[in-house]
Amino acid sequence: MAGMVKVTLVKSMIGRPEKHRKVLLGMGLTKVNRTVELEDTPSIRGMIHKVSHLVAAEEKSDETK
């Protein structure tokens, strides 16, 4: 199973290109300081890379094992 990534929106999407807004909405980020946990896949990594100047991402360790 792939790990998880915690992504937090740290800057507003106001005034950003439409592509960036769609990526943020696709990840479930709508407001500043909201955090979502997403599965660590190549597509999610690409989305994080595209808006890396707007978000903070950290890998979540698997503490259940």
C-alpha atoms as a PDB file:
ATOM      1  CA  MET A   1       0.000   0.000   0.000  1.00  0.00           C
ATOM      2  CA  ALA A   2       1.204   3.473  -0.809  1.00  0.00           C
ATOM      3  CA  GLY A   3       1.786   5.919   2.020  1.00  0.00           C
ATOM      4  CA  MET A   4      -0.119   9.062   2.755  1.00  0.00           C
ATOM      5  CA  VAL A   5       0.746  12.721   2.221  1.00  0.00           C
ATOM      6  CA  LYS A   6      -0.597  15.607   4.318  1.00  0.00           C
ATOM      7  CA  VAL A   7      -1.134  18.693   2.154  1.00  0.00           C
ATOM      8  CA  THR A   8      -1.971  22.103   3.631  1.00  0.00           C
ATOM      9  CA  LEU A   9      -2.966  25.191   1.653  1.00  0.00           C
ATOM     10  CA  VAL A  10      -0.748  27.998   2.984  1.00  0.00           C
ATOM     11  CA  LYS A  11      -1.380  30.733   0.412  1.00  0.00           C
ATOM     12  CA  SER A  12      -4.621  31.925  -1.106  1.00  0.00           C
ATOM     13  CA  MET A  13      -5.647  30.921  -4.616  1.00  0.00           C
ATOM     14  CA  ILE A  14      -6.971  34.426  -5.308  1.00  0.00           C
ATOM     15  CA  GLY A  15      -5.362  35.847  -8.428  1.00  0.00           C
ATOM     16  CA  ARG A  16      -3.849  32.510  -9.440  1.00  0.00           C
ATOM     17  CA  PRO A  17      -4.290  30.931 -12.879  1.00  0.00           C
ATOM     18  CA  GLU A  18      -7.348  28.757 -13.458  1.00  0.00           C
ATOM     19  CA  LYS A  19      -5.168  25.643 -13.842  1.00  0.00           C
ATOM     20  CA  HIS A  20      -3.769  26.125 -10.335  1.00  0.00           C
ATOM     21  CA  ARG A  21      -7.263  26.590  -8.904  1.00  0.00           C
ATOM     22  CA  LYS A  22      -8.483  23.394 -10.553  1.00  0.00           C
ATOM     23  CA  VAL A  23      -5.535  21.438  -9.166  1.00  0.00           C
ATOM     24  CA  LEU A  24      -6.228  22.723  -5.643  1.00  0.00           C
ATOM     25  CA  LEU A  25      -9.923  21.907  -5.915  1.00  0.00           C
ATOM     26  CA  GLY A  26      -9.033  18.461  -7.254  1.00  0.00           C
ATOM     27  CA  MET A  27      -7.001  17.846  -4.122  1.00  0.00           C
ATOM     28  CA  GLY A  28      -9.892  19.046  -1.943  1.00  0.00           C
ATOM     29  CA  LEU A  29      -8.272  22.304  -0.800  1.00  0.00           C
ATOM     30  CA  THR A  30     -10.722  25.205  -0.717  1.00  0.00           C
ATOM     31  CA  LYS A  31      -9.616  27.492   2.121  1.00  0.00           C
ATOM     32  CA  VAL A  32      -6.297  28.636   3.541  1.00  0.00           C
ATOM     33  CA  ASN A  33      -4.900  26.460   6.363  1.00  0.00           C
ATOM     34  CA  ARG A  34      -7.080  23.483   5.395  1.00  0.00           C
ATOM     35  CA  THR A  35      -5.285  20.143   5.470  1.00  0.00           C
ATOM     36  CA  VAL A  36      -6.133  16.997   3.541  1.00  0.00           C
ATOM     37  CA  GLU A  37      -4.563  13.551   3.615  1.00  0.00           C
ATOM     38  CA  LEU A  38      -4.098  12.038   0.183  1.00  0.00           C
ATOM     39  CA  GLU A  39      -2.694   8.740  -1.013  1.00  0.00           C
ATOM     40  CA  ASP A  40       0.918   9.042  -2.142  1.00  0.00           C
ATOM     41  CA  THR A  41       0.679   8.350  -5.882  1.00  0.00           C
ATOM     42  CA  PRO A  42       2.581   9.796  -8.850  1.00  0.00           C
ATOM     43  CA  SER A  43      -0.463  11.816  -9.925  1.00  0.00           C
ATOM     44  CA  ILE A  44      -0.832  13.408  -6.486  1.00  0.00           C
ATOM     45  CA  ARG A  45       2.917  14.133  -6.421  1.00  0.00           C
ATOM     46  CA  GLY A  46       2.528  15.892  -9.789  1.00  0.00           C
ATOM     47  CA  MET A  47      -0.359  17.978  -8.469  1.00  0.00           C
ATOM     48  CA  ILE A  48       1.674  18.977  -5.413  1.00  0.00           C
ATOM     49  CA  HIS A  49       4.622  19.907  -7.633  1.00  0.00           C
ATOM     50  CA  LYS A  50       2.404  22.089  -9.847  1.00  0.00           C
ATOM     51  CA  VAL A  51       1.202  24.212  -6.906  1.00  0.00           C
ATOM     52  CA  SER A  52       4.197  23.775  -4.600  1.00  0.00           C
ATOM     53  CA  HIS A  53       4.380  27.545  -4.047  1.00  0.00           C
ATOM     54  CA  LEU A  54       0.868  27.492  -2.536  1.00  0.00           C
ATOM     55  CA  VAL A  55       0.945  24.353  -0.403  1.00  0.00           C
ATOM     56  CA  ALA A  56       3.005  22.642   2.291  1.00  0.00           C
ATOM     57  CA  ALA A  57       3.300  18.875   1.969  1.00  0.00           C
ATOM     58  CA  GLU A  58       4.698  16.295   4.340  1.00  0.00           C
ATOM     59  CA  GLU A  59       4.769  12.526   4.258  1.00  0.00           C
ATOM     60  CA  LYS A  60       2.695  10.925   6.961  1.00  0.00           C
ATOM     61  CA  SER A  61       4.418   8.048   8.688  1.00  0.00           C
ATOM     62  CA  ASP A  62       2.532   4.782   9.034  1.00  0.00           C
ATOM     63  CA  GLU A  63       2.155   4.574  12.823  1.00  0.00           C
ATOM     64  CA  THR A  64      -0.360   1.716  12.849  1.00  0.00           C
ATOM     65  CA  LYS A  65       2.243  -1.005  12.246  1.00  0.00           C
END
